[in-house]
PDB file of N, CA and C in Angstrom:
ATOM      1  N   MET A   1      -6.891   6.561  -3.875  1.00  0.00           N
ATOM      2  CA  MET A   1      -6.017   7.802  -2.821  1.00  0.00           C
ATOM      3  C   MET A   1      -5.578   6.591  -1.946  1.00  0.00           C
ATOM      4  N   VAL A   2      -4.351   7.408  -1.772  1.00  0.00           N
ATOM      5  CA  VAL A   2      -3.680   6.681  -0.490  1.00  0.00           C
ATOM      6  C   VAL A   2      -3.648   7.491   0.751  1.00  0.00           C
ATOM      7  N   ASN A   3      -4.230   6.115   2.178  1.00  0.00           N
ATOM      8  CA  ASN A   3      -4.529   7.112   3.213  1.00  0.00           C
ATOM      9  C   ASN A   3      -3.359   7.117   3.999  1.00  0.00           C
ATOM     10  N   PRO A   4      -2.683   7.953   5.066  1.00  0.00           N
ATOM     11  CA  PRO A   4      -1.545   7.773   5.795  1.00  0.00           C
ATOM     12  C   PRO A   4      -1.229   6.696   6.248  1.00  0.00           C
ATOM     13  N   GLY A   5      -0.250   6.764   6.200  1.00  0.00           N
ATOM     14  CA  GLY A   5       0.244   5.255   6.574  1.00  0.00           C
ATOM     15  C   GLY A   5       0.253   4.438   5.700  1.00  0.00           C
ATOM     16  N   GLY A   6      -0.081   4.830   3.891  1.00  0.00           N
ATOM     17  CA  GLY A   6      -0.294   3.810   3.325  1.00  0.00           C
ATOM     18  C   GLY A   6       1.168   3.871   2.226  1.00  0.00           C
ATOM     19  N   VAL A   7       1.241   2.780   1.308  1.00  0.00           N
ATOM     20  CA  VAL A   7       2.294   2.579   0.097  1.00  0.00           C
ATOM     21  C   VAL A   7       1.677   2.420  -1.097  1.00  0.00           C
ATOM     22  N   VAL A   8       2.784   2.986  -1.857  1.00  0.00           N
ATOM     23  CA  VAL A   8       2.407   3.080  -3.468  1.00  0.00           C
ATOM     24  C   VAL A   8       4.295   2.537  -3.460  1.00  0.00           C
ATOM     25  N   CYS A   9       3.917   1.041  -4.688  1.00  0.00           N
ATOM     26  CA  CYS A   9       5.085   0.668  -4.839  1.00  0.00           C
ATOM     27  C   CYS A   9       5.249   0.639  -6.855  1.00  0.00           C
ATOM     28  N   MET A  10       6.188   0.822  -7.133  1.00  0.00           N
ATOM     29  CA  MET A  10       6.529   1.466  -8.375  1.00  0.00           C
ATOM     30  C   MET A  10       7.504   0.194  -8.856  1.00  0.00           C
ATOM     31  N   HIS A  11       7.558  -0.227  -9.692  1.00  0.00           N
ATOM     32  CA  HIS A  11       8.502  -1.363 -10.668  1.00  0.00           C
ATOM     33  C   HIS A  11       8.881  -0.720 -11.605  1.00  0.00           C
ATOM     34  N   ASP A  12       9.907  -1.176 -11.931  1.00  0.00           N
ATOM     35  CA  ASP A  12      11.217  -0.758 -12.985  1.00  0.00           C
ATOM     36  C   ASP A  12      11.699   0.447 -12.707  1.00  0.00           C
ATOM     37  N   HIS A  13      11.824   0.733 -11.972  1.00  0.00           N
ATOM     38  CA  HIS A  13      12.651   1.654 -11.585  1.00  0.00           C
ATOM     39  C   HIS A  13      13.854   1.997 -11.064  1.00  0.00           C
ATOM     40  N   ARG A  14      14.481   1.654 -12.668  1.00  0.00           N
ATOM     41  CA  ARG A  14      16.230   1.323 -13.205  1.00  0.00           C
ATOM     42  C   ARG A  14      16.089   2.554 -14.244  1.00  0.00           C
ATOM     43  N   LEU A  15      17.170   3.871 -13.868  1.00  0.00           N
ATOM     44  CA  LEU A  15      17.304   4.904 -15.190  1.00  0.00           C
ATOM     45  C   LEU A  15      17.812   3.977 -16.111  1.00  0.00           C
ATOM     46  N   ASP A  16      18.559   3.231 -16.326  1.00  0.00           N
ATOM     47  CA  ASP A  16      19.349   2.603 -17.309  1.00  0.00           C
ATOM     48  C   ASP A  16      18.055   2.120 -18.294  1.00  0.00           C
ATOM     49  N   LYS A  17      16.863   1.394 -17.782  1.00  0.00           N
ATOM     50  CA  LYS A  17      16.252   0.836 -18.936  1.00  0.00           C
ATOM     51  C   LYS A  17      14.792   1.720 -19.096  1.00  0.00           C
ATOM     52  N   PHE A  18      14.340   2.270 -17.884  1.00  0.00           N
ATOM     53  CA  PHE A  18      12.729   3.070 -17.550  1.00  0.00           C
ATOM     54  C   PHE A  18      13.333   4.357 -16.648  1.00  0.00           C
ATOM     55  N   PRO A  19      13.948   5.202 -17.892  1.00  0.00           N
ATOM     56  CA  PRO A  19      14.346   6.586 -17.409  1.00  0.00           C
ATOM     57  C   PRO A  19      12.791   7.143 -16.947  1.00  0.00           C
ATOM     58  N   GLY A  20      12.005   7.124 -17.574  1.00  0.00           N
ATOM     59  CA  GLY A  20      10.865   7.781 -17.110  1.00  0.00           C
ATOM     60  C   GLY A  20       9.850   6.993 -15.968  1.00  0.00           C
ATOM     61  N   VAL A  21      10.126   5.817 -15.450  1.00  0.00           N
ATOM     62  CA  VAL A  21       9.679   5.580 -14.104  1.00  0.00           C
ATOM     63  C   VAL A  21      10.302   6.563 -12.984  1.00  0.00           C
ATOM     64  N   VAL A  22      11.816   6.663 -13.333  1.00  0.00           N
ATOM     65  CA  VAL A  22      12.507   7.247 -11.962  1.00  0.00           C
ATOM     66  C   VAL A  22      11.853   8.615 -12.067  1.00  0.00           C
ATOM     67  N   TRP A  23      12.001   8.906 -13.351  1.00  0.00           N
ATOM     68  CA  TRP A  23      11.271  10.565 -13.773  1.00  0.00           C
ATOM     69  C   TRP A  23      10.101  10.943 -12.612  1.00  0.00           C
ATOM     70  N   SER A  24       9.152  10.227 -12.756  1.00  0.00           N
ATOM     71  CA  SER A  24       7.757   9.975 -12.483  1.00  0.00           C
ATOM     72  C   SER A  24       8.098  10.053 -10.922  1.00  0.00           C
ATOM     73  N   ALA A  25       8.728   9.063 -10.436  1.00  0.00           N
ATOM     74  CA  ALA A  25       8.925   8.773  -8.889  1.00  0.00           C
ATOM     75  C   ALA A  25       9.409  10.511  -8.539  1.00  0.00           C
ATOM     76  N   THR A  26      10.917  10.680  -9.131  1.00  0.00           N
ATOM     77  CA  THR A  26      11.452  11.948  -8.729  1.00  0.00           C
ATOM     78  C   THR A  26      10.369  12.975  -8.592  1.00  0.00           C
ATOM     79  N   HIS A  27       9.717  13.335  -9.590  1.00  0.00           N
ATOM     80  CA  HIS A  27       9.162  14.377  -9.668  1.00  0.00           C
ATOM     81  C   HIS A  27       7.899  14.142  -8.694  1.00  0.00           C
ATOM     82  N   PHE A  28       6.687  13.270  -8.377  1.00  0.00           N
ATOM     83  CA  PHE A  28       6.038  13.281  -7.513  1.00  0.00           C
ATOM     84  C   PHE A  28       6.742  13.686  -6.283  1.00  0.00           C
ATOM     85  N   LEU A  29       7.709  12.543  -5.634  1.00  0.00           N
ATOM     86  CA  LEU A  29       8.064  13.307  -4.551  1.00  0.00           C
ATOM     87  C   LEU A  29       8.652  14.419  -3.924  1.00  0.00           C
ATOM     88  N   LYS A  30       9.260  15.386  -5.192  1.00  0.00           N
ATOM     89  CA  LYS A  30       8.944  16.896  -5.522  1.00  0.00           C
ATOM     90  C   LYS A  30       8.185  17.548  -4.846  1.00  0.00           C
ATOM     91  N   LYS A  31       7.077  16.833  -5.229  1.00  0.00           N
ATOM     92  CA  LYS A  31       5.863  17.884  -5.486  1.00  0.00           C
ATOM     93  C   LYS A  31       5.093  17.351  -3.721  1.00  0.00           C
ATOM     94  N   ASN A  32       5.448  16.223  -3.017  1.00  0.00           N
ATOM     95  CA  ASN A  32       4.314  15.292  -2.220  1.00  0.00           C
ATOM     96  C   ASN A  32       5.392  15.599  -1.308  1.00  0.00           C
ATOM     97  N   PRO A  33       5.972  16.307   0.024  1.00  0.00           N
ATOM     98  CA  PRO A  33       6.363  15.668   0.706  1.00  0.00           C
ATOM     99  C   PRO A  33       6.285  15.011   1.862  1.00  0.00           C
ATOM    100  N   ASN A  34       4.771  15.110   1.937  1.00  0.00           N
ATOM    101  CA  ASN A  34       4.361  13.823   2.712  1.00  0.00           C
ATOM    102  C   ASN A  34       4.471  12.264   2.576  1.00  0.00           C
ATOM    103  N   PHE A  35       4.985  12.134   1.527  1.00  0.00           N
ATOM    104  CA  PHE A  35       5.631  10.482   1.152  1.00  0.00           C
ATOM    105  C   PHE A  35       6.774  10.226   1.042  1.00  0.00           C
ATOM    106  N   THR A  36       7.391   9.092   1.307  1.00  0.00           N
ATOM    107  CA  THR A  36       9.079   9.458   1.680  1.00  0.00           C
ATOM    108  C   THR A  36       9.438   7.493   1.049  1.00  0.00           C
ATOM    109  N   VAL A  37      10.391   7.910   0.805  1.00  0.00           N
ATOM    110  CA  VAL A  37      11.080   6.385  -0.137  1.00  0.00           C
ATOM    111  C   VAL A  37      11.166   5.488   0.890  1.00  0.00           C
ATOM    112  N   GLN A  38      10.184   4.749   0.970  1.00  0.00           N
ATOM    113  CA  GLN A  38      10.103   3.477   2.301  1.00  0.00           C
ATOM    114  C   GLN A  38      11.337   2.434   2.012  1.00  0.00           C
ATOM    115  N   GLU A  39      11.093   1.657   1.003  1.00  0.00           N
ATOM    116  CA  GLU A  39      12.353   0.619   1.154  1.00  0.00           C
ATOM    117  C   GLU A  39      12.872   0.919  -1.007  1.00  0.00           C
ATOM    118  N   LYS A  40      13.783   0.582  -1.404  1.00  0.00           N
ATOM    119  CA  LYS A  40      14.039   0.333  -2.531  1.00  0.00           C
ATOM    120  C   LYS A  40      14.828  -0.845  -2.835  1.00  0.00           C
ATOM    121  N   VAL A  41      14.080  -1.920  -3.588  1.00  0.00           N
ATOM    122  CA  VAL A  41      15.151  -3.121  -3.855  1.00  0.00           C
ATOM    123  C   VAL A  41      14.822  -3.699  -5.231  1.00  0.00           C
ATOM    124  N   ASP A  42      16.347  -3.883  -5.593  1.00  0.00           N
ATOM    125  CA  ASP A  42      16.539  -4.131  -7.211  1.00  0.00           C
ATOM    126  C   ASP A  42      15.874  -3.048  -7.749  1.00  0.00           C
ATOM    127  N   SER A  43      14.623  -3.464  -8.762  1.00  0.00           N
ATOM    128  CA  SER A  43      13.831  -2.491  -9.633  1.00  0.00           C
ATOM    129  C   SER A  43      12.819  -2.148  -9.407  1.00  0.00           C
ATOM    130  N   LEU A  44      12.403  -2.326  -7.162  1.00  0.00           N
ATOM    131  CA  LEU A  44      11.188  -2.212  -7.337  1.00  0.00           C
ATOM    132  C   LEU A  44      11.128  -0.683  -5.817  1.00  0.00           C
ATOM    133  N   ILE A  45      10.840   0.444  -6.063  1.00  0.00           N
ATOM    134  CA  ILE A  45      10.722   1.506  -5.153  1.00  0.00           C
ATOM    135  C   ILE A  45       9.275   1.606  -4.551  1.00  0.00           C
ATOM    136  N   VAL A  46       9.362   1.616  -2.808  1.00  0.00           N
ATOM    137  CA  VAL A  46       8.182   1.782  -2.453  1.00  0.00           C
ATOM    138  C   VAL A  46       8.054   2.989  -1.727  1.00  0.00           C
ATOM    139  N   LEU A  47       6.807   3.743  -1.835  1.00  0.00           N
ATOM    140  CA  LEU A  47       7.016   5.222  -1.127  1.00  0.00           C
ATOM    141  C   LEU A  47       5.907   4.860   0.036  1.00  0.00           C
ATOM    142  N   LYS A  48       6.102   5.451   0.836  1.00  0.00           N
ATOM    143  CA  LYS A  48       5.058   6.020   2.064  1.00  0.00           C
ATOM    144  C   LYS A  48       4.027   6.839   2.388  1.00  0.00           C
ATOM    145  N   LYS A  49       2.978   7.263   2.403  1.00  0.00           N
ATOM    146  CA  LYS A  49       2.377   8.095   3.059  1.00  0.00           C
ATOM    147  C   LYS A  49       2.270   8.726   4.531  1.00  0.00           C
ATOM    148  N   ASN A  50       2.836   9.378   4.361  1.00  0.00           N
ATOM    149  CA  ASN A  50       3.172   9.676   6.140  1.00  0.00           C
ATOM    150  C   ASN A  50       2.009  10.855   7.055  1.00  0.00           C
ATOM    151  N   ALA A  51       1.788  11.717   5.668  1.00  0.00           N
ATOM    152  CA  ALA A  51       0.699  12.570   6.538  1.00  0.00           C
ATOM    153  C   ALA A  51      -0.169  12.664   5.567  1.00  0.00           C
ATOM    154  N   ALA A  52      -2.000  13.387   5.894  1.00  0.00           N
ATOM    155  CA  ALA A  52      -2.526  13.669   4.780  1.00  0.00           C
ATOM    156  C   ALA A  52      -1.837  14.761   3.642  1.00  0.00           C
ATOM    157  N   SER A  53      -2.671  14.663   2.638  1.00  0.00           N
ATOM    158  CA  SER A  53      -2.198  15.772   1.171  1.00  0.00           C
ATOM    159  C   SER A  53      -3.075  17.067   1.551  1.00  0.00           C
ATOM    160  N   ALA A  54      -2.387  17.771   1.239  1.00  0.00           N
ATOM    161  CA  ALA A  54      -3.049  19.147   0.942  1.00  0.00           C
ATOM    162  C   ALA A  54      -3.862  19.465  -0.204  1.00  0.00           C
ATOM    163  N   GLY A  55      -2.999  18.721  -1.060  1.00  0.00           N
ATOM    164  CA  GLY A  55      -4.200  19.056  -2.516  1.00  0.00           C
ATOM    165  C   GLY A  55      -4.268  17.681  -3.397  1.00  0.00           C
ATOM    166  N   ARG A  56      -4.472  17.670  -4.139  1.00  0.00           N
ATOM    167  CA  ARG A  56      -4.085  16.217  -5.905  1.00  0.00           C
ATOM    168  C   ARG A  56      -2.679  16.243  -5.500  1.00  0.00           C
ATOM    169  N   GLY A  57      -2.686  15.187  -5.443  1.00  0.00           N
ATOM    170  CA  GLY A  57      -1.075  14.578  -5.443  1.00  0.00           C
ATOM    171  C   GLY A  57      -0.301  14.697  -7.137  1.00  0.00           C
ATOM    172  N   VAL A  58      -1.465  14.162  -8.045  1.00  0.00           N
ATOM    173  CA  VAL A  58      -1.095  14.174  -9.651  1.00  0.00           C
ATOM    174  C   VAL A  58      -2.346  15.799 -10.184  1.00  0.00           C
ATOM    175  N   THR A  59      -0.942  16.135 -10.951  1.00  0.00           N
ATOM    176  CA  THR A  59      -2.334  16.959 -12.003  1.00  0.00           C
ATOM    177  C   THR A  59      -1.824  16.573 -13.273  1.00  0.00           C
ATOM    178  N   GLY A  60      -3.069  17.569 -13.700  1.00  0.00           N
ATOM    179  CA  GLY A  60      -3.056  17.163 -15.236  1.00  0.00           C
ATOM    180  C   GLY A  60      -1.356  17.555 -15.992  1.00  0.00           C
ATOM    181  N   GLY A  61      -1.030  18.556 -15.613  1.00  0.00           N
ATOM    182  CA  GLY A  61       0.186  19.211 -15.925  1.00  0.00           C
ATOM    183  C   GLY A  61       1.230  17.920 -15.617  1.00  0.00           C
ATOM    184  N   ASP A  62       0.968  17.684 -14.229  1.00  0.00           N
ATOM    185  CA  ASP A  62       1.881  16.322 -14.056  1.00  0.00           C
ATOM    186  C   ASP A  62       2.136  15.523 -15.898  1.00  0.00           C
ATOM    187  N   LEU A  63       0.815  14.961 -15.504  1.00  0.00           N
ATOM    188  CA  LEU A  63       0.630  13.871 -17.047  1.00  0.00           C
ATOM    189  C   LEU A  63       0.830  14.423 -18.090  1.00  0.00           C
ATOM    190  N   MET A  64       1.018  15.392 -18.377  1.00  0.00           N
ATOM    191  CA  MET A  64       1.474  16.356 -19.396  1.00  0.00           C
ATOM    192  C   MET A  64       2.909  16.041 -19.614  1.00  0.00           C
ATOM    193  N   GLY A  65       3.324  16.819 -18.272  1.00  0.00           N
ATOM    194  CA  GLY A  65       4.983  16.508 -18.010  1.00  0.00           C
ATOM    195  C   GLY A  65       5.081  14.954 -18.497  1.00  0.00           C
ATOM    196  N   ALA A  66       4.913  14.170 -18.103  1.00  0.00           N
ATOM    197  CA  ALA A  66       5.364  12.394 -17.671  1.00  0.00           C
ATOM    198  C   ALA A  66       5.028  12.026 -19.375  1.00  0.00           C
ATOM    199  N   ARG A  67       3.863  12.677 -20.418  1.00  0.00           N
ATOM    200  CA  ARG A  67       3.614  12.130 -21.129  1.00  0.00           C
ATOM    201  C   ARG A  67       5.425  12.721 -22.726  1.00  0.00           C
ATOM    202  N   ILE A  68       5.673  14.263 -22.286  1.00  0.00           N
ATOM    203  CA  ILE A  68       6.489  14.570 -23.187  1.00  0.00           C
ATOM    204  C   ILE A  68       8.135  13.820 -22.448  1.00  0.00           C
ATOM    205  N   ALA A  69       7.891  13.818 -21.288  1.00  0.00           N
ATOM    206  CA  ALA A  69       9.281  12.987 -21.298  1.00  0.00           C
ATOM    207  C   ALA A  69       9.314  11.510 -21.855  1.00  0.00           C
ATOM    208  N   GLN A  70       7.997  10.434 -21.756  1.00  0.00           N
ATOM    209  CA  GLN A  70       8.479   9.749 -22.820  1.00  0.00           C
ATOM    210  C   GLN A  70       8.538   9.598 -23.481  1.00  0.00           C
ATOM    211  N   ALA A  71       8.004  10.398 -24.429  1.00  0.00           N
ATOM    212  CA  ALA A  71       8.095  10.684 -25.835  1.00  0.00           C
ATOM    213  C   ALA A  71       9.334  11.076 -26.175  1.00  0.00           C
ATOM    214  N   LEU A  72      10.013  11.711 -25.580  1.00  0.00           N
ATOM    215  CA  LEU A  72      11.405  12.598 -25.334  1.00  0.00           C
ATOM    216  C   LEU A  72      12.571  11.121 -25.200  1.00  0.00           C
ATOM    217  N   ASN A  73      11.990  10.597 -24.212  1.00  0.00           N
ATOM    218  CA  ASN A  73      13.100   9.247 -24.266  1.00  0.00           C
ATOM    219  C   ASN A  73      12.992   7.933 -25.154  1.00  0.00           C
ATOM    220  N   LYS A  74      11.989   7.972 -25.894  1.00  0.00           N
ATOM    221  CA  LYS A  74      11.616   7.148 -26.900  1.00  0.00           C
ATOM    222  C   LYS A  74      12.255   7.397 -28.127  1.00  0.00           C
ATOM    223  N   LEU A  75      12.397   8.762 -28.391  1.00  0.00           N
ATOM    224  CA  LEU A  75      13.208   9.407 -29.381  1.00  0.00           C
ATOM    225  C   LEU A  75      14.666   9.064 -29.177  1.00  0.00           C
ATOM    226  N   GLU A  76      15.019   9.387 -27.613  1.00  0.00           N
ATOM    227  CA  GLU A  76      16.616   9.036 -27.612  1.00  0.00           C
ATOM    228  C   GLU A  76      16.789   7.538 -27.580  1.00  0.00           C
ATOM    229  N   ARG A  77      16.415   7.059 -27.348  1.00  0.00           N
ATOM    230  CA  ARG A  77      16.813   5.555 -27.593  1.00  0.00           C
ATOM    231  C   ARG A  77      16.359   5.016 -28.406  1.00  0.00           C
ATOM    232  N   SER A  78      15.713   5.918 -29.602  1.00  0.00           N
ATOM    233  CA  SER A  78      15.628   5.605 -30.970  1.00  0.00           C
ATOM    234  C   SER A  78      16.684   5.922 -32.032  1.00  0.00           C
ATOM    235  N   LEU A  79      17.357   7.408 -31.549  1.00  0.00           N
ATOM    236  CA  LEU A  79      18.631   7.683 -32.339  1.00  0.00           C
ATOM    237  C   LEU A  79      19.527   7.007 -31.779  1.00  0.00           C
ATOM    238  N   LYS A  80      20.022   6.368 -31.226  1.00  0.00           N
ATOM    239  CA  LYS A  80      20.857   5.644 -30.235  1.00  0.00           C
ATOM    240  C   LYS A  80      20.603   4.755 -30.895  1.00  0.00           C
ATOM    241  N   LYS A  81      19.908   3.693 -30.929  1.00  0.00           N
ATOM    242  CA  LYS A  81      19.583   2.828 -31.559  1.00  0.00           C
ATOM    243  C   LYS A  81      20.308   2.808 -33.153  1.00  0.00           C
ATOM    244  N   ARG A  82      19.643   3.496 -33.862  1.00  0.00           N
ATOM    245  CA  ARG A  82      19.918   3.659 -34.979  1.00  0.00           C
ATOM    246  C   ARG A  82      21.655   4.238 -35.389  1.00  0.00           C
ATOM    247  N   PHE A  83      22.338   5.393 -34.643  1.00  0.00           N
ATOM    248  CA  PHE A  83      23.401   6.511 -34.839  1.00  0.00           C
ATOM    249  C   PHE A  83      24.582   5.396 -34.102  1.00  0.00           C
ATOM    250  N   LYS A  84      24.179   4.088 -33.598  1.00  0.00           N
ATOM    251  CA  LYS A  84      25.024   3.869 -31.799  1.00  0.00           C
ATOM    252  C   LYS A  84      26.304   4.791 -31.686  1.00  0.00           C
ATOM    253  N   PHE A  85      25.266   5.683 -30.984  1.00  0.00           N
ATOM    254  CA  PHE A  85      26.140   6.577 -30.017  1.00  0.00           C
ATOM    255  C   PHE A  85      26.016   6.484 -28.772  1.00  0.00           C
TER     256      PHE A  85
END
């Protein structure tokens, strides 16, 4: 749980190497407008909570979506590696 004024830091926020982290951060920000990007330096992104949340920040559906996205990203990397495209 993050109190208003608190921050969440995520590392490996690079689309070229870790698309799942970028997807997760983007999805989280869309669903939680009370968070904003405070800072982004290299592959570190800092999200700040500006106000209290109305509900759960992350749901079971969010976790399932993240697992599916991770599996698809792994498949894509594997295919690119094997077929050099």
